[in-house]
Amino acid sequence: VRRSVEPAVPIGVAAAMVAILLGNLTVVSFTTEQNGMLLGVLMGMI
């Protein structure tokens, strides 16, 4: 975010990862089919 000229994608990816992290405060879903692979894709992009 600091080094990019137009960091829309890394900002969005970081926000999506925070959403997954906080959503798991009231449910266990890190490794469910869609959420798990989505988290992996976001980690790879970052």
All heavy atoms as atom14 arrays in JSON, in Angstrom:
{
  "sequence": "VRRSVEPAVPIGVAAAMVAILLGNLTVVSFTTEQNGMLLGVLMGMI",
  "atom14_mask": [
    [1, 1, 1, 1, 1, 1, 1, 0, 0, 0, 0, 0, 0, 0],
    [1, 1, 1, 1, 1, 1, 1, 1, 1, 1, 1, 0, 0, 0],
    [1, 1, 1, 1, 1, 1, 1, 1, 1, 1, 1, 0, 0, 0],
    [1, 1, 1, 1, 1, 1, 0, 0, 0, 0, 0, 0, 0, 0],
    [1, 1, 1, 1, 1, 1, 1, 0, 0, 0, 0, 0, 0, 0],
    [1, 1, 1, 1, 1, 1, 1, 1, 1, 0, 0, 0, 0, 0],
    [1, 1, 1, 1, 1, 1, 1, 0, 0, 0, 0, 0, 0, 0],
    [1, 1, 1, 1, 1, 0, 0, 0, 0, 0, 0, 0, 0, 0],
    [1, 1, 1, 1, 1, 1, 1, 0, 0, 0, 0, 0, 0, 0],
    [1, 1, 1, 1, 1, 1, 1, 0, 0, 0, 0, 0, 0, 0],
    [1, 1, 1, 1, 1, 1, 1, 1, 0, 0, 0, 0, 0, 0],
    [1, 1, 1, 1, 0, 0, 0, 0, 0, 0, 0, 0, 0, 0],
    [1, 1, 1, 1, 1, 1, 1, 0, 0, 0, 0, 0, 0, 0],
    [1, 1, 1, 1, 1, 0, 0, 0, 0, 0, 0, 0, 0, 0],
    [1, 1, 1, 1, 1, 0, 0, 0, 0, 0, 0, 0, 0, 0],
    [1, 1, 1, 1, 1, 0, 0, 0, 0, 0, 0, 0, 0, 0],
    [1, 1, 1, 1, 1, 1, 1, 1, 0, 0, 0, 0, 0, 0],
    [1, 1, 1, 1, 1, 1, 1, 0, 0, 0, 0, 0, 0, 0],
    [1, 1, 1, 1, 1, 0, 0, 0, 0, 0, 0, 0, 0, 0],
    [1, 1, 1, 1, 1, 1, 1, 1, 0, 0, 0, 0, 0, 0],
    [1, 1, 1, 1, 1, 1, 1, 1, 0, 0, 0, 0, 0, 0],
    [1, 1, 1, 1, 1, 1, 1, 1, 0, 0, 0, 0, 0, 0],
    [1, 1, 1, 1, 0, 0, 0, 0, 0, 0, 0, 0, 0, 0],
    [1, 1, 1, 1, 1, 1, 1, 1, 0, 0, 0, 0, 0, 0],
    [1, 1, 1, 1, 1, 1, 1, 1, 0, 0, 0, 0, 0, 0],
    [1, 1, 1, 1, 1, 1, 1, 0, 0, 0, 0, 0, 0, 0],
    [1, 1, 1, 1, 1, 1, 1, 0, 0, 0, 0, 0, 0, 0],
    [1, 1, 1, 1, 1, 1, 1, 0, 0, 0, 0, 0, 0, 0],
    [1, 1, 1, 1, 1, 1, 0, 0, 0, 0, 0, 0, 0, 0],
    [1, 1, 1, 1, 1, 1, 1, 1, 1, 1, 1, 0, 0, 0],
    [1, 1, 1, 1, 1, 1, 1, 0, 0, 0, 0, 0, 0, 0],
    [1, 1, 1, 1, 1, 1, 1, 0, 0, 0, 0, 0, 0, 0],
    [1, 1, 1, 1, 1, 1, 1, 1, 1, 0, 0, 0, 0, 0],
    [1, 1, 1, 1, 1, 1, 1, 1, 1, 0, 0, 0, 0, 0],
    [1, 1, 1, 1, 1, 1, 1, 1, 0, 0, 0, 0, 0, 0],
    [1, 1, 1, 1, 0, 0, 0, 0, 0, 0, 0, 0, 0, 0],
    [1, 1, 1, 1, 1, 1, 1, 1, 0, 0, 0, 0, 0, 0],
    [1, 1, 1, 1, 1, 1, 1, 1, 0, 0, 0, 0, 0, 0],
    [1, 1, 1, 1, 1, 1, 1, 1, 0, 0, 0, 0, 0, 0],
    [1, 1, 1, 1, 0, 0, 0, 0, 0, 0, 0, 0, 0, 0],
    [1, 1, 1, 1, 1, 1, 1, 0, 0, 0, 0, 0, 0, 0],
    [1, 1, 1, 1, 1, 1, 1, 1, 0, 0, 0, 0, 0, 0],
    [1, 1, 1, 1, 1, 1, 1, 1, 0, 0, 0, 0, 0, 0],
    [1, 1, 1, 1, 0, 0, 0, 0, 0, 0, 0, 0, 0, 0],
    [1, 1, 1, 1, 1, 1, 1, 1, 0, 0, 0, 0, 0, 0],
    [1, 1, 1, 1, 1, 1, 1, 1, 0, 0, 0, 0, 0, 0]
  ],
  "atom14_positions": [
    [[0.83, -1.2, 0.0], [0.0, 0.0, 0.0], [0.87, 1.25, 0.0], [0.57, 2.24, -0.68], [-0.95, -0.01, 1.21], [-1.67, 1.33, 1.33], [-1.96, -1.14, 1.09], [0.0, 0.0, 0.0], [0.0, 0.0, 0.0], [0.0, 0.0, 0.0], [0.0, 0.0, 0.0], [0.0, 0.0, 0.0], [0.0, 0.0, 0.0], [0.0, 0.0, 0.0]],
    [[1.97, 1.22, 0.73], [2.83, 2.4, 0.84], [3.58, 2.67, -0.47], [3.75, 3.82, -0.86], [3.83, 2.21, 1.98], [4.72, 3.43, 2.21], [5.67, 3.25, 3.37], [6.68, 2.25, 3.1], [6.78, 1.07, 3.69], [5.88, 0.74, 4.6], [7.74, 0.22, 3.39], [0.0, 0.0, 0.0], [0.0, 0.0, 0.0], [0.0, 0.0, 0.0]],
    [[4.01, 1.63, -1.18], [4.88, 1.82, -2.33], [4.15, 1.9, -3.66], [4.72, 2.33, -4.66], [5.9, 0.68, -2.4], [6.88, 0.68, -1.25], [8.0, -0.3, -1.51], [9.01, -0.26, -0.45], [10.16, -0.94, -0.51], [10.42, -1.68, -1.58], [11.01, -0.86, 0.49], [0.0, 0.0, 0.0], [0.0, 0.0, 0.0], [0.0, 0.0, 0.0]],
    [[2.91, 1.46, -3.7], [2.18, 1.46, -4.96], [1.61, 2.84, -5.26], [1.24, 3.59, -4.35], [1.04, 0.44, -4.91], [1.55, -0.85, -4.69], [0.0, 0.0, 0.0], [0.0, 0.0, 0.0], [0.0, 0.0, 0.0], [0.0, 0.0, 0.0], [0.0, 0.0, 0.0], [0.0, 0.0, 0.0], [0.0, 0.0, 0.0], [0.0, 0.0, 0.0]],
    [[1.52, 3.15, -6.55], [0.98, 4.44, -6.95], [-0.54, 4.46, -6.79], [-1.11, 5.44, -6.31], [1.37, 4.74, -8.42], [0.81, 6.08, -8.86], [2.89, 4.73, -8.57], [0.0, 0.0, 0.0], [0.0, 0.0, 0.0], [0.0, 0.0, 0.0], [0.0, 0.0, 0.0], [0.0, 0.0, 0.0], [0.0, 0.0, 0.0], [0.0, 0.0, 0.0]],
    [[-1.22, 3.4, -7.21], [-2.68, 3.26, -7.08], [-2.98, 1.93, -6.42], [-3.32, 0.96, -7.1], [-3.34, 3.35, -8.46], [-3.23, 4.7, -9.12], [-4.41, 5.59, -8.78], [-5.36, 5.07, -8.19], [-4.38, 6.76, -9.14], [0.0, 0.0, 0.0], [0.0, 0.0, 0.0], [0.0, 0.0, 0.0], [0.0, 0.0, 0.0], [0.0, 0.0, 0.0]],
    [[-2.84, 1.84, -5.12], [-2.89, 0.53, -4.44], [-4.3, 0.04, -4.14], [-4.58, -0.4, -3.02], [-2.11, 0.8, -3.15], [-2.41, 2.23, -2.85], [-2.55, 2.93, -4.18], [0.0, 0.0, 0.0], [0.0, 0.0, 0.0], [0.0, 0.0, 0.0], [0.0, 0.0, 0.0], [0.0, 0.0, 0.0], [0.0, 0.0, 0.0], [0.0, 0.0, 0.0]],
    [[-5.2, 0.08, -5.1], [-6.58, -0.34, -4.83], [-6.66, -1.83, -4.53], [-7.36, -2.25, -3.61], [-7.46, 0.0, -6.02], [0.0, 0.0, 0.0], [0.0, 0.0, 0.0], [0.0, 0.0, 0.0], [0.0, 0.0, 0.0], [0.0, 0.0, 0.0], [0.0, 0.0, 0.0], [0.0, 0.0, 0.0], [0.0, 0.0, 0.0], [0.0, 0.0, 0.0]],
    [[-5.95, -2.64, -5.33], [-6.04, -4.09, -5.13], [-5.44, -4.52, -3.8], [-6.1, -5.26, -3.06], [-5.39, -4.84, -6.32], [-5.3, -6.33, -6.03], [-6.2, -4.61, -7.59], [0.0, 0.0, 0.0], [0.0, 0.0, 0.0], [0.0, 0.0, 0.0], [0.0, 0.0, 0.0], [0.0, 0.0, 0.0], [0.0, 0.0, 0.0], [0.0, 0.0, 0.0]],
    [[-4.21, -4.11, -3.44], [-3.72, -4.55, -2.12], [-4.57, -4.05, -0.96], [-4.71, -4.74, 0.05], [-2.29, -3.99, -2.07], [-2.22, -2.97, -3.13], [-3.17, -3.38, -4.18], [0.0, 0.0, 0.0], [0.0, 0.0, 0.0], [0.0, 0.0, 0.0], [0.0, 0.0, 0.0], [0.0, 0.0, 0.0], [0.0, 0.0, 0.0], [0.0, 0.0, 0.0]],
    [[-5.14, -2.86, -1.07], [-6.03, -2.38, -0.02], [-7.26, -3.27, 0.08], [-7.68, -3.69, 1.17], [-6.44, -0.92, -0.27], [-5.26, 0.03, 0.0], [-7.63, -0.51, 0.61], [-5.56, 1.49, -0.29], [0.0, 0.0, 0.0], [0.0, 0.0, 0.0], [0.0, 0.0, 0.0], [0.0, 0.0, 0.0], [0.0, 0.0, 0.0], [0.0, 0.0, 0.0]],
    [[-7.84, -3.59, -1.07], [-9.02, -4.45, -1.07], [-8.73, -5.85, -0.57], [-9.52, -6.44, 0.17], [0.0, 0.0, 0.0], [0.0, 0.0, 0.0], [0.0, 0.0, 0.0], [0.0, 0.0, 0.0], [0.0, 0.0, 0.0], [0.0, 0.0, 0.0], [0.0, 0.0, 0.0], [0.0, 0.0, 0.0], [0.0, 0.0, 0.0], [0.0, 0.0, 0.0]],
    [[-7.58, -6.4, -0.97], [-7.2, -7.74, -0.51], [-6.97, -7.74, 1.0], [-7.41, -8.66, 1.71], [-5.94, -8.21, -1.26], [-5.4, -9.5, -0.65], [-6.26, -8.43, -2.74], [0.0, 0.0, 0.0], [0.0, 0.0, 0.0], [0.0, 0.0, 0.0], [0.0, 0.0, 0.0], [0.0, 0.0, 0.0], [0.0, 0.0, 0.0], [0.0, 0.0, 0.0]],
    [[-6.28, -6.71, 1.5], [-6.06, -6.63, 2.94], [-7.38, -6.5, 3.7], [-7.58, -7.14, 4.74], [-5.15, -5.44, 3.26], [0.0, 0.0, 0.0], [0.0, 0.0, 0.0], [0.0, 0.0, 0.0], [0.0, 0.0, 0.0], [0.0, 0.0, 0.0], [0.0, 0.0, 0.0], [0.0, 0.0, 0.0], [0.0, 0.0, 0.0], [0.0, 0.0, 0.0]],
    [[-8.3, -5.69, 3.18], [-9.61, -5.54, 3.83], [-10.38, -6.85, 3.82], [-11.05, -7.21, 4.8], [-10.41, -4.44, 3.14], [0.0, 0.0, 0.0], [0.0, 0.0, 0.0], [0.0, 0.0, 0.0], [0.0, 0.0, 0.0], [0.0, 0.0, 0.0], [0.0, 0.0, 0.0], [0.0, 0.0, 0.0], [0.0, 0.0, 0.0], [0.0, 0.0, 0.0]],
    [[-10.29, -7.6, 2.72], [-10.98, -8.89, 2.64], [-10.41, -9.88, 3.64], [-11.15, -10.66, 4.26], [-10.87, -9.44, 1.22], [0.0, 0.0, 0.0], [0.0, 0.0, 0.0], [0.0, 0.0, 0.0], [0.0, 0.0, 0.0], [0.0, 0.0, 0.0], [0.0, 0.0, 0.0], [0.0, 0.0, 0.0], [0.0, 0.0, 0.0], [0.0, 0.0, 0.0]],
    [[-9.09, -9.86, 3.83], [-8.48, -10.75, 4.81], [-8.91, -10.38, 6.23], [-9.14, -11.26, 7.07], [-6.97, -10.72, 4.68], [-6.45, -11.35, 3.39], [-4.64, -11.41, 3.32], [-4.27, -12.52, 4.67], [0.0, 0.0, 0.0], [0.0, 0.0, 0.0], [0.0, 0.0, 0.0], [0.0, 0.0, 0.0], [0.0, 0.0, 0.0], [0.0, 0.0, 0.0]],
    [[-9.0, -9.08, 6.5], [-9.48, -8.65, 7.82], [-10.93, -9.1, 8.02], [-11.32, -9.51, 9.12], [-9.36, -7.12, 7.95], [-10.06, -6.63, 9.22], [-7.89, -6.71, 7.98], [0.0, 0.0, 0.0], [0.0, 0.0, 0.0], [0.0, 0.0, 0.0], [0.0, 0.0, 0.0], [0.0, 0.0, 0.0], [0.0, 0.0, 0.0], [0.0, 0.0, 0.0]],
    [[-11.74, -9.03, 6.97], [-13.12, -9.48, 7.06], [-13.2, -10.96, 7.44], [-13.99, -11.37, 8.31], [-13.84, -9.23, 5.74], [0.0, 0.0, 0.0], [0.0, 0.0, 0.0], [0.0, 0.0, 0.0], [0.0, 0.0, 0.0], [0.0, 0.0, 0.0], [0.0, 0.0, 0.0], [0.0, 0.0, 0.0], [0.0, 0.0, 0.0], [0.0, 0.0, 0.0]],
    [[-12.37, -11.78, 6.82], [-12.36, -13.21, 7.14], [-11.89, -13.42, 8.58], [-12.44, -14.25, 9.32], [-11.46, -13.97, 6.16], [-12.07, -13.93, 4.75], [-11.27, -15.41, 6.59], [-11.21, -14.58, 3.69], [0.0, 0.0, 0.0], [0.0, 0.0, 0.0], [0.0, 0.0, 0.0], [0.0, 0.0, 0.0], [0.0, 0.0, 0.0], [0.0, 0.0, 0.0]],
    [[-10.87, -12.68, 8.99], [-10.33, -12.84, 10.34], [-11.37, -12.47, 11.4], [-11.62, -13.23, 12.35], [-9.09, -11.97, 10.5], [-8.37, -12.04, 11.86], [-7.79, -13.44, 12.07], [-7.28, -10.99, 11.95], [0.0, 0.0, 0.0], [0.0, 0.0, 0.0], [0.0, 0.0, 0.0], [0.0, 0.0, 0.0], [0.0, 0.0, 0.0], [0.0, 0.0, 0.0]],
    [[-12.03, -11.31, 11.25], [-13.0, -10.88, 12.25], [-14.28, -11.71, 12.18], [-14.94, -11.92, 13.19], [-13.31, -9.4, 12.07], [-12.18, -8.43, 12.4], [-12.68, -7.0, 12.4], [-11.55, -8.76, 13.74], [0.0, 0.0, 0.0], [0.0, 0.0, 0.0], [0.0, 0.0, 0.0], [0.0, 0.0, 0.0], [0.0, 0.0, 0.0], [0.0, 0.0, 0.0]],
    [[-14.67, -12.14, 10.99], [-15.84, -12.99, 10.89], [-15.69, -14.27, 11.68], [-16.67, -14.84, 12.17], [0.0, 0.0, 0.0], [0.0, 0.0, 0.0], [0.0, 0.0, 0.0], [0.0, 0.0, 0.0], [0.0, 0.0, 0.0], [0.0, 0.0, 0.0], [0.0, 0.0, 0.0], [0.0, 0.0, 0.0], [0.0, 0.0, 0.0], [0.0, 0.0, 0.0]],
    [[-14.45, -14.75, 11.82], [-14.2, -15.98, 12.57], [-14.21, -15.78, 14.07], [-13.94, -16.73, 14.81], [-12.87, -16.58, 12.13], [-13.01, -17.46, 10.9], [-13.27, -18.65, 10.99], [-12.86, -16.85, 9.74], [0.0, 0.0, 0.0], [0.0, 0.0, 0.0], [0.0, 0.0, 0.0], [0.0, 0.0, 0.0], [0.0, 0.0, 0.0], [0.0, 0.0, 0.0]],
    [[-14.51, -14.58, 14.54], [-14.64, -14.37, 15.98], [-15.92, -14.98, 16.53], [-16.03, -15.23, 17.73], [-14.6, -12.87, 16.3], [-13.27, -12.16, 16.07], [-13.4, -10.68, 16.39], [-12.17, -12.79, 16.92], [0.0, 0.0, 0.0], [0.0, 0.0, 0.0], [0.0, 0.0, 0.0], [0.0, 0.0, 0.0], [0.0, 0.0, 0.0], [0.0, 0.0, 0.0]],
    [[-16.91, -15.22, 15.67], [-18.17, -15.79, 16.14], [-18.54, -17.08, 15.41], [-19.66, -17.58, 15.55], [-19.32, -14.78, 15.97], [-19.42, -14.4, 14.59], [-19.1, -13.56, 16.82], [0.0, 0.0, 0.0], [0.0, 0.0, 0.0], [0.0, 0.0, 0.0], [0.0, 0.0, 0.0], [0.0, 0.0, 0.0], [0.0, 0.0, 0.0], [0.0, 0.0, 0.0]],
    [[-17.61, -17.62, 14.63], [-17.86, -18.87, 13.92], [-16.52, -19.45, 13.52], [-15.51, -18.72, 13.45], [-18.75, -18.63, 12.67], [-17.97, -17.93, 11.56], [-19.34, -19.93, 12.16], [0.0, 0.0, 0.0], [0.0, 0.0, 0.0], [0.0, 0.0, 0.0], [0.0, 0.0, 0.0], [0.0, 0.0, 0.0], [0.0, 0.0, 0.0], [0.0, 0.0, 0.0]],
    [[-16.45, -20.76, 13.29], [-15.2, -21.41, 12.87], [-15.31, -21.69, 11.38], [-15.98, -22.64, 10.97], [-14.97, -22.72, 13.66], [-13.66, -23.36, 13.23], [-14.96, -22.45, 15.15], [0.0, 0.0, 0.0], [0.0, 0.0, 0.0], [0.0, 0.0, 0.0], [0.0, 0.0, 0.0], [0.0, 0.0, 0.0], [0.0, 0.0, 0.0], [0.0, 0.0, 0.0]],
    [[-14.65, -20.87, 10.57], [-14.82, -21.02, 9.11], [-13.54, -20.77, 8.34], [-13.59, -20.56, 7.13], [-15.9, -20.06, 8.62], [-15.42, -18.72, 8.64], [0.0, 0.0, 0.0], [0.0, 0.0, 0.0], [0.0, 0.0, 0.0], [0.0, 0.0, 0.0], [0.0, 0.0, 0.0], [0.0, 0.0, 0.0], [0.0, 0.0, 0.0], [0.0, 0.0, 0.0]],
    [[-12.39, -20.78, 8.99], [-11.14, -20.56, 8.26], [-10.95, -21.6, 7.16], [-10.48, -21.28, 6.07], [-9.94, -20.62, 9.22], [-9.71, -19.35, 9.99], [-9.77, -19.35, 11.37], [-9.43, -18.17, 9.34], [-9.55, -18.19, 12.09], [-9.22, -16.99, 10.05], [-9.28, -17.0, 11.43], [0.0, 0.0, 0.0], [0.0, 0.0, 0.0], [0.0, 0.0, 0.0]],
    [[-11.29, -22.85, 7.45], [-10.97, -23.94, 6.53], [-12.17, -24.49, 5.76], [-12.05, -25.53, 5.11], [-10.31, -25.09, 7.3], [-11.2, -25.55, 8.33], [-9.0, -24.65, 7.93], [0.0, 0.0, 0.0], [0.0, 0.0, 0.0], [0.0, 0.0, 0.0], [0.0, 0.0, 0.0], [0.0, 0.0, 0.0], [0.0, 0.0, 0.0], [0.0, 0.0, 0.0]],
    [[-13.32, -23.84, 5.85], [-14.44, -24.3, 5.05], [-14.13, -24.1, 3.57], [-13.29, -23.28, 3.19], [-15.73, -23.54, 5.41], [-15.46, -22.14, 5.39], [-16.24, -23.94, 6.77], [0.0, 0.0, 0.0], [0.0, 0.0, 0.0], [0.0, 0.0, 0.0], [0.0, 0.0, 0.0], [0.0, 0.0, 0.0], [0.0, 0.0, 0.0], [0.0, 0.0, 0.0]],
    [[-14.81, -24.85, 2.71], [-14.41, -24.97, 1.31], [-14.14, -23.62, 0.64], [-13.04, -23.36, 0.16], [-15.49, -25.73, 0.52], [-15.45, -27.24, 0.71], [-16.13, -27.68, 2.0], [-16.69, -26.8, 2.7], [-16.09, -28.88, 2.3], [0.0, 0.0, 0.0], [0.0, 0.0, 0.0], [0.0, 0.0, 0.0], [0.0, 0.0, 0.0], [0.0, 0.0, 0.0]],
    [[-15.14, -22.76, 0.59], [-14.98, -21.5, -0.12], [-14.11, -20.52, 0.65], [-13.21, -19.9, 0.08], [-16.36, -20.88, -0.4], [-17.14, -21.64, -1.46], [-18.55, -21.12, -1.59], [-19.22, -20.89, -0.6], [-19.0, -20.95, -2.81], [0.0, 0.0, 0.0], [0.0, 0.0, 0.0], [0.0, 0.0, 0.0], [0.0, 0.0, 0.0], [0.0, 0.0, 0.0]],
    [[-14.35, -20.38, 1.93], [-13.58, -19.43, 2.72], [-12.1, -19.8, 2.78], [-11.23, -18.93, 2.74], [-14.15, -19.32, 4.14], [-15.46, -18.57, 4.17], [-15.91, -18.06, 3.16], [-16.08, -18.5, 5.33], [0.0, 0.0, 0.0], [0.0, 0.0, 0.0], [0.0, 0.0, 0.0], [0.0, 0.0, 0.0], [0.0, 0.0, 0.0], [0.0, 0.0, 0.0]],
    [[-11.82, -21.09, 2.9], [-10.43, -21.52, 2.98], [-9.66, -21.2, 1.72], [-8.56, -20.61, 1.77], [0.0, 0.0, 0.0], [0.0, 0.0, 0.0], [0.0, 0.0, 0.0], [0.0, 0.0, 0.0], [0.0, 0.0, 0.0], [0.0, 0.0, 0.0], [0.0, 0.0, 0.0], [0.0, 0.0, 0.0], [0.0, 0.0, 0.0], [0.0, 0.0, 0.0]],
    [[-10.2, -21.55, 0.56], [-9.49, -21.28, -0.69], [-9.46, -19.8, -1.0], [-8.5, -19.3, -1.58], [-10.11, -22.08, -1.83], [-9.92, -23.58, -1.68], [-10.21, -24.51, -3.21], [-8.75, -24.06, -4.14], [0.0, 0.0, 0.0], [0.0, 0.0, 0.0], [0.0, 0.0, 0.0], [0.0, 0.0, 0.0], [0.0, 0.0, 0.0], [0.0, 0.0, 0.0]],
    [[-10.52, -19.07, -0.63], [-10.49, -17.61, -0.81], [-9.37, -17.0, 0.03], [-8.64, -16.13, -0.46], [-11.84, -17.01, -0.41], [-11.9, -15.48, -0.43], [-11.65, -14.94, -1.84], [-13.24, -14.98, 0.11], [0.0, 0.0, 0.0], [0.0, 0.0, 0.0], [0.0, 0.0, 0.0], [0.0, 0.0, 0.0], [0.0, 0.0, 0.0], [0.0, 0.0, 0.0]],
    [[-9.23, -17.45, 1.26], [-8.15, -16.94, 2.1], [-6.8, -17.25, 1.47], [-5.89, -16.4, 1.48], [-8.24, -17.58, 3.5], [-7.14, -17.19, 4.49], [-7.11, -15.69, 4.71], [-7.34, -17.93, 5.81], [0.0, 0.0, 0.0], [0.0, 0.0, 0.0], [0.0, 0.0, 0.0], [0.0, 0.0, 0.0], [0.0, 0.0, 0.0], [0.0, 0.0, 0.0]],
    [[-6.64, -18.43, 0.9], [-5.39, -18.77, 0.24], [-5.09, -17.88, -0.96], [-3.95, -17.44, -1.16], [0.0, 0.0, 0.0], [0.0, 0.0, 0.0], [0.0, 0.0, 0.0], [0.0, 0.0, 0.0], [0.0, 0.0, 0.0], [0.0, 0.0, 0.0], [0.0, 0.0, 0.0], [0.0, 0.0, 0.0], [0.0, 0.0, 0.0], [0.0, 0.0, 0.0]],
    [[-6.12, -17.6, -1.76], [-5.93, -16.71, -2.92], [-5.52, -15.31, -2.45], [-4.61, -14.69, -3.02], [-7.22, -16.65, -3.77], [-7.1, -15.57, -4.84], [-7.49, -18.0, -4.41], [0.0, 0.0, 0.0], [0.0, 0.0, 0.0], [0.0, 0.0, 0.0], [0.0, 0.0, 0.0], [0.0, 0.0, 0.0], [0.0, 0.0, 0.0], [0.0, 0.0, 0.0]],
    [[-6.18, -14.81, -1.43], [-5.85, -13.48, -0.92], [-4.43, -13.44, -0.36], [-3.68, -12.47, -0.59], [-6.85, -13.08, 0.17], [-8.31, -12.93, -0.27], [-9.21, -12.71, 0.94], [-8.47, -11.8, -1.28], [0.0, 0.0, 0.0], [0.0, 0.0, 0.0], [0.0, 0.0, 0.0], [0.0, 0.0, 0.0], [0.0, 0.0, 0.0], [0.0, 0.0, 0.0]],
    [[-4.02, -14.49, 0.36], [-2.66, -14.55, 0.87], [-1.65, -14.55, -0.27], [-0.59, -13.89, -0.19], [-2.49, -15.8, 1.74], [-3.22, -15.75, 3.06], [-3.08, -17.32, 3.99], [-1.3, -17.44, 4.19], [0.0, 0.0, 0.0], [0.0, 0.0, 0.0], [0.0, 0.0, 0.0], [0.0, 0.0, 0.0], [0.0, 0.0, 0.0], [0.0, 0.0, 0.0]],
    [[-1.94, -15.29, -1.33], [-1.03, -15.32, -2.47], [-0.91, -13.98, -3.16], [0.19, -13.58, -3.58], [0.0, 0.0, 0.0], [0.0, 0.0, 0.0], [0.0, 0.0, 0.0], [0.0, 0.0, 0.0], [0.0, 0.0, 0.0], [0.0, 0.0, 0.0], [0.0, 0.0, 0.0], [0.0, 0.0, 0.0], [0.0, 0.0, 0.0], [0.0, 0.0, 0.0]],
    [[-2.02, -13.27, -3.28], [-1.99, -11.94, -3.91], [-1.17, -10.96, -3.09], [-0.39, -10.17, -3.63], [-3.42, -11.43, -4.11], [-4.23, -12.25, -5.1], [-5.97, -11.75, -5.17], [-5.84, -10.18, -6.03], [0.0, 0.0, 0.0], [0.0, 0.0, 0.0], [0.0, 0.0, 0.0], [0.0, 0.0, 0.0], [0.0, 0.0, 0.0], [0.0, 0.0, 0.0]],
    [[-1.32, -11.01, -1.77], [-0.53, -10.12, -0.91], [0.94, -10.52, -0.92], [1.84, -9.68, -0.92], [-1.08, -10.16, 0.53], [-2.36, -9.32, 0.63], [-0.06, -9.64, 1.53], [-2.15, -7.84, 0.42], [0.0, 0.0, 0.0], [0.0, 0.0, 0.0], [0.0, 0.0, 0.0], [0.0, 0.0, 0.0], [0.0, 0.0, 0.0], [0.0, 0.0, 0.0]]
  ]
}
